[in-house]
Amino acid sequence: MVVSSLEGLSDAQQQELIASLSAIVVGTAGGEVSAETLTAVATASGNSLSGAWASIFASAVGKAKSIEDFCLAPGGGGGGGGGGGGGGDAAEEAPEEVEEEVEEAPPAVDMFGGGDDGGDY
């Protein structure tokens, strides 16, 4: 998703975007990523960042050990989409699905403590 403006984003989405971009700016500049520095960068960019979002992102970057570990490397995310079709003319047969029947075992314990005599319940 390409974002060219904060308009149209919910408040939470705006805060998340501002916090993440502030973390990238501070981290790549070699500064200490803290709630205070994230808030300062957000303010300098003409935005506001709540203390809660600043703390969450500062903690996340701190746990990641570095901004490089916090951010995915280009092309490093996701598992890929798998191979495409071969485009051959031969019709492929889909393997037939076989449903397994599973027998349910009777309950191991009577939850109410009674046997067949009716008990208290």
Protein backbone atom coordinates (compact mmCIF):
# COMPACT_ATOMS: atom_id res chain seq x y z
CA MET A 1 0.00 0.00 0.00
CA VAL A 2 1.46 3.32 -1.04
CA VAL A 3 0.61 6.21 1.26
CA SER A 4 1.10 9.71 -0.07
CA SER A 5 -0.96 11.51 2.57
CA LEU A 6 -2.19 10.90 6.10
CA GLU A 7 -5.67 11.92 5.01
CA GLY A 8 -8.06 9.01 4.87
CA LEU A 9 -6.13 7.02 7.47
CA SER A 10 -7.60 6.34 10.88
CA ASP A 11 -5.92 7.94 13.90
CA ALA A 12 -4.33 4.61 14.83
CA GLN A 13 -3.00 4.12 11.29
CA GLN A 14 -1.58 7.66 11.30
CA GLN A 15 0.12 7.11 14.65
CA GLU A 16 1.57 3.78 13.53
CA LEU A 17 2.91 5.26 10.29
CA ILE A 18 4.40 8.31 12.03
CA ALA A 19 6.00 6.13 14.72
CA SER A 20 7.47 3.64 12.25
CA LEU A 21 8.88 6.33 9.97
CA SER A 22 10.31 8.20 12.96
CA ALA A 23 11.96 4.98 14.15
CA ILE A 24 13.51 4.45 10.72
CA VAL A 25 14.81 8.04 10.62
CA VAL A 26 16.34 7.87 14.11
CA GLY A 27 17.70 4.33 13.69
CA THR A 28 19.32 4.88 10.31
CA ALA A 29 20.89 8.14 11.55
CA GLY A 30 22.59 6.14 14.29
CA GLY A 31 20.70 7.76 17.13
CA GLU A 32 19.25 6.08 20.19
CA VAL A 33 15.69 5.00 19.43
CA SER A 34 13.72 6.12 22.47
CA ALA A 35 10.21 7.43 22.98
CA GLU A 36 11.64 10.94 23.34
CA THR A 37 13.64 10.83 20.10
CA LEU A 38 10.71 9.39 18.16
CA THR A 39 8.45 12.14 19.47
CA ALA A 40 11.05 14.79 18.60
CA VAL A 41 11.39 13.53 15.02
CA ALA A 42 7.60 13.39 14.61
CA THR A 43 7.27 16.94 15.93
CA ALA A 44 10.08 18.18 13.67
CA SER A 45 8.25 16.69 10.68
CA GLY A 46 5.10 18.62 11.52
CA ASN A 47 3.26 15.66 13.02
CA SER A 48 2.34 14.64 16.51
CA LEU A 49 3.00 11.27 18.08
CA SER A 50 1.36 10.01 21.24
CA GLY A 51 3.59 8.82 24.05
CA ALA A 52 2.02 5.37 23.92
CA TRP A 53 2.90 4.82 20.26
CA ALA A 54 6.38 6.25 20.76
CA SER A 55 6.99 3.86 23.68
CA ILE A 56 5.67 0.84 21.75
CA PHE A 57 7.94 1.47 18.77
CA ALA A 58 10.98 2.35 20.89
CA SER A 59 10.50 -0.93 22.76
CA ALA A 60 10.06 -2.92 19.55
CA VAL A 61 13.24 -1.51 18.01
CA GLY A 62 15.08 -2.11 21.28
CA LYS A 63 14.01 -5.76 21.34
CA ALA A 64 15.08 -6.14 17.72
CA LYS A 65 18.59 -4.94 18.72
CA SER A 66 18.95 -2.71 15.64
CA ILE A 67 16.89 -0.83 13.10
CA GLU A 68 18.07 -3.29 10.42
CA ASP A 69 16.61 -6.17 12.41
CA PHE A 70 13.44 -4.16 13.06
CA CYS A 71 12.87 -3.58 9.33
CA LEU A 72 12.59 -6.37 6.82
CA ALA A 73 15.28 -6.41 4.17
CA PRO A 74 13.99 -5.60 0.69
CA GLY A 75 12.60 -8.79 -0.73
CA GLY A 76 13.21 -10.56 2.56
CA GLY A 77 9.62 -10.82 3.69
CA GLY A 78 7.00 -13.38 2.87
CA GLY A 79 7.32 -16.84 1.49
CA GLY A 80 6.62 -16.18 -2.16
CA GLY A 81 3.66 -17.13 -4.23
CA GLY A 82 4.75 -20.49 -5.56
CA GLY A 83 5.28 -21.49 -9.16
CA GLY A 84 2.98 -20.55 -11.97
CA GLY A 85 1.25 -22.99 -14.27
CA GLY A 86 3.24 -24.68 -17.01
CA GLY A 87 0.84 -23.54 -19.72
CA GLY A 88 0.77 -26.95 -21.41
CA ASP A 89 -2.12 -28.15 -23.54
CA ALA A 90 -2.65 -31.36 -21.61
CA ALA A 91 -5.56 -31.31 -19.20
CA GLU A 92 -4.49 -31.82 -15.62
CA GLU A 93 -6.50 -34.04 -13.34
CA ALA A 94 -6.94 -32.77 -9.82
CA PRO A 95 -6.17 -35.41 -7.22
CA GLU A 96 -9.29 -36.83 -5.69
CA GLU A 97 -9.80 -35.76 -2.10
CA VAL A 98 -10.41 -38.57 0.33
CA GLU A 99 -12.20 -37.78 3.57
CA GLU A 100 -10.95 -39.63 6.59
CA GLU A 101 -13.54 -40.78 9.04
CA VAL A 102 -12.51 -40.17 12.61
CA GLU A 103 -14.15 -42.07 15.42
CA GLU A 104 -14.67 -40.10 18.58
CA ALA A 105 -13.69 -41.83 21.78
CA PRO A 106 -16.15 -41.82 24.65
CA PRO A 107 -15.43 -39.28 27.40
CA ALA A 108 -12.71 -40.49 29.75
CA VAL A 109 -14.25 -38.89 32.84
CA ASP A 110 -17.83 -38.19 33.83
CA MET A 111 -17.73 -34.44 34.52
CA PHE A 112 -20.57 -34.60 36.99
CA GLY A 113 -19.35 -37.56 39.02
CA GLY A 114 -22.44 -39.63 38.52
CA GLY A 115 -22.71 -43.00 36.98
CA ASP A 116 -25.86 -44.49 35.52
CA ASP A 117 -27.65 -44.20 38.87
CA GLY A 118 -28.69 -40.57 38.27
CA GLY A 119 -26.48 -39.06 40.97
CA ASP A 120 -27.03 -35.60 42.40
CA TYR A 121 -27.12 -33.88 39.03
